[in-house]
C-alpha atoms as a PDB file:
ATOM      1  CA  MET A   1      -4.255 -25.589  -2.534  1.00  0.00           C
ATOM      2  CA  ALA A   2      -4.014 -21.954  -3.982  1.00  0.00           C
ATOM      3  CA  GLU A   3      -1.062 -20.605  -5.073  1.00  0.00           C
ATOM      4  CA  THR A   4       0.298 -18.315  -2.289  1.00  0.00           C
ATOM      5  CA  ARG A   5       0.549 -14.642  -4.113  1.00  0.00           C
ATOM      6  CA  ALA A   6       1.399 -11.466  -3.015  1.00  0.00           C
ATOM      7  CA  TYR A   7      -1.504  -9.055  -1.917  1.00  0.00           C
ATOM      8  CA  VAL A   8      -1.826  -5.623  -0.799  1.00  0.00           C
ATOM      9  CA  ALA A   9      -4.654  -3.823   0.804  1.00  0.00           C
ATOM     10  CA  VAL A  10      -6.096  -0.202  -0.265  1.00  0.00           C
ATOM     11  CA  ASN A  11      -8.231   2.458   1.024  1.00  0.00           C
ATOM     12  CA  ALA A  12     -11.946   0.946   0.390  1.00  0.00           C
ATOM     13  CA  VAL A  13     -13.723   4.031   1.103  1.00  0.00           C
ATOM     14  CA  ASP A  14     -11.611   6.795  -0.648  1.00  0.00           C
ATOM     15  CA  PRO A  15     -11.078   5.424  -3.924  1.00  0.00           C
ATOM     16  CA  ALA A  16      -8.957   8.710  -4.736  1.00  0.00           C
ATOM     17  CA  ASP A  17      -5.854   7.505  -1.864  1.00  0.00           C
ATOM     18  CA  MET A  18      -3.766   5.418  -4.204  1.00  0.00           C
ATOM     19  CA  VAL A  19      -1.611   5.014  -1.357  1.00  0.00           C
ATOM     20  CA  ILE A  20      -1.094   0.912  -0.355  1.00  0.00           C
ATOM     21  CA  LYS A  21      -1.781   1.206   3.432  1.00  0.00           C
ATOM     22  CA  LEU A  22      -0.829  -2.612   4.304  1.00  0.00           C
ATOM     23  CA  GLY A  23       1.237  -5.571   2.516  1.00  0.00           C
ATOM     24  CA  PRO A  24       2.823  -6.948   0.689  1.00  0.00           C
ATOM     25  CA  LEU A  25       0.823  -9.509   2.483  1.00  0.00           C
ATOM     26  CA  LEU A  26       1.406 -13.222   1.202  1.00  0.00           C
ATOM     27  CA  TRP A  27      -1.901 -14.690   1.003  1.00  0.00           C
ATOM     28  CA  ASP A  28      -3.387 -17.763  -0.765  1.00  0.00           C
ATOM     29  CA  GLY A  29      -6.617 -15.832  -1.711  1.00  0.00           C
ATOM     30  CA  GLU A  30      -8.687 -18.787  -0.278  1.00  0.00           C
ATOM     31  CA  THR A  31      -8.174 -19.195   3.998  1.00  0.00           C
ATOM     32  CA  GLU A  32     -10.252 -16.948   5.604  1.00  0.00           C
ATOM     33  CA  TYR A  33      -8.807 -13.202   6.276  1.00  0.00           C
ATOM     34  CA  ASP A  34     -10.300  -9.837   7.137  1.00  0.00           C
ATOM     35  CA  PRO A  35      -8.268  -7.253   7.373  1.00  0.00           C
ATOM     36  CA  GLY A  36     -11.388  -4.785   8.021  1.00  0.00           C
ATOM     37  CA  PRO A  37     -14.124  -2.996   6.177  1.00  0.00           C
ATOM     38  CA  GLN A  38     -12.004  -0.013   5.645  1.00  0.00           C
ATOM     39  CA  TYR A  39      -9.183  -2.152   3.299  1.00  0.00           C
ATOM     40  CA  GLN A  40      -9.764  -3.662   0.094  1.00  0.00           C
ATOM     41  CA  LEU A  41      -7.210  -6.254  -0.657  1.00  0.00           C
ATOM     42  CA  LEU A  42      -5.814  -6.643  -4.426  1.00  0.00           C
ATOM     43  CA  LEU A  43      -2.951  -8.547  -5.802  1.00  0.00           C
ATOM     44  CA  GLU A  44       0.584  -6.383  -5.535  1.00  0.00           C
ATOM     45  CA  ALA A  45       1.120  -6.186  -9.033  1.00  0.00           C
ATOM     46  CA  ASP A  46      -2.680  -5.542 -10.324  1.00  0.00           C
ATOM     47  CA  ALA A  47      -2.424  -2.212  -7.491  1.00  0.00           C
ATOM     48  CA  LEU A  48       0.668  -1.382  -8.855  1.00  0.00           C
ATOM     49  CA  ALA A  49      -0.743  -1.434 -12.310  1.00  0.00           C
ATOM     50  CA  GLN A  50      -3.515   0.687 -10.979  1.00  0.00           C
ATOM     51  CA  GLY A  51      -1.363   3.565 -10.073  1.00  0.00           C
ATOM     52  CA  TYR A  52      -1.069   2.554  -6.445  1.00  0.00           C
ATOM     53  CA  VAL A  53       2.305   3.424  -4.616  1.00  0.00           C
ATOM     54  CA  TYR A  54       3.953   2.663  -1.487  1.00  0.00           C
ATOM     55  CA  PRO A  55       4.365   5.074   0.685  1.00  0.00           C
ATOM     56  CA  PRO A  56       7.601   6.686   1.745  1.00  0.00           C
ATOM     57  CA  PRO A  57       9.892   5.079   4.052  1.00  0.00           C
ATOM     58  CA  GLU A  58       9.796   6.266   7.755  1.00  0.00           C
ATOM     59  CA  GLY A  59      11.849   9.636   7.609  1.00  0.00           C
ATOM     60  CA  GLY A  60      12.387   8.978   3.257  1.00  0.00           C
ATOM     61  CA  GLY A  61      10.152  11.716   2.598  1.00  0.00           C
ATOM     62  CA  ASP A  62      10.516  14.727   0.350  1.00  0.00           C
ATOM     63  CA  PRO A  63      12.773  17.027   2.767  1.00  0.00           C
ATOM     64  CA  GLY A  64      11.314  20.528   1.465  1.00  0.00           C
ATOM     65  CA  PRO A  65      13.336  23.174   0.003  1.00  0.00           C
ATOM     66  CA  GLU A  66      17.080  23.767   1.375  1.00  0.00           C
ATOM     67  CA  GLN A  67      16.902  26.270   4.365  1.00  0.00           C
ATOM     68  CA  PRO A  68      20.038  28.482   3.826  1.00  0.00           C
ATOM     69  CA  PRO A  69      22.882  28.370   6.904  1.00  0.00           C
ATOM     70  CA  GLU A  70      22.300  30.347   9.736  1.00  0.00           C
ATOM     71  CA  GLY A  71      24.173  33.395  10.795  1.00  0.00           C
END
């Protein structure tokens, strides 16, 4: 039986899109699994080494420039 490892799904259509879409997914690499034609599965460590990044957490993005107080 194959070793279970962490994989991520990235955009299979747009190579310039470096944001990880799904994951990490624990998968043995052998059991049938099809994330869909829009995704390519990569080992998480390989994806991160290639420059892919996780999206920011919900509500954790850049708030933008600080707004002066009203009044």
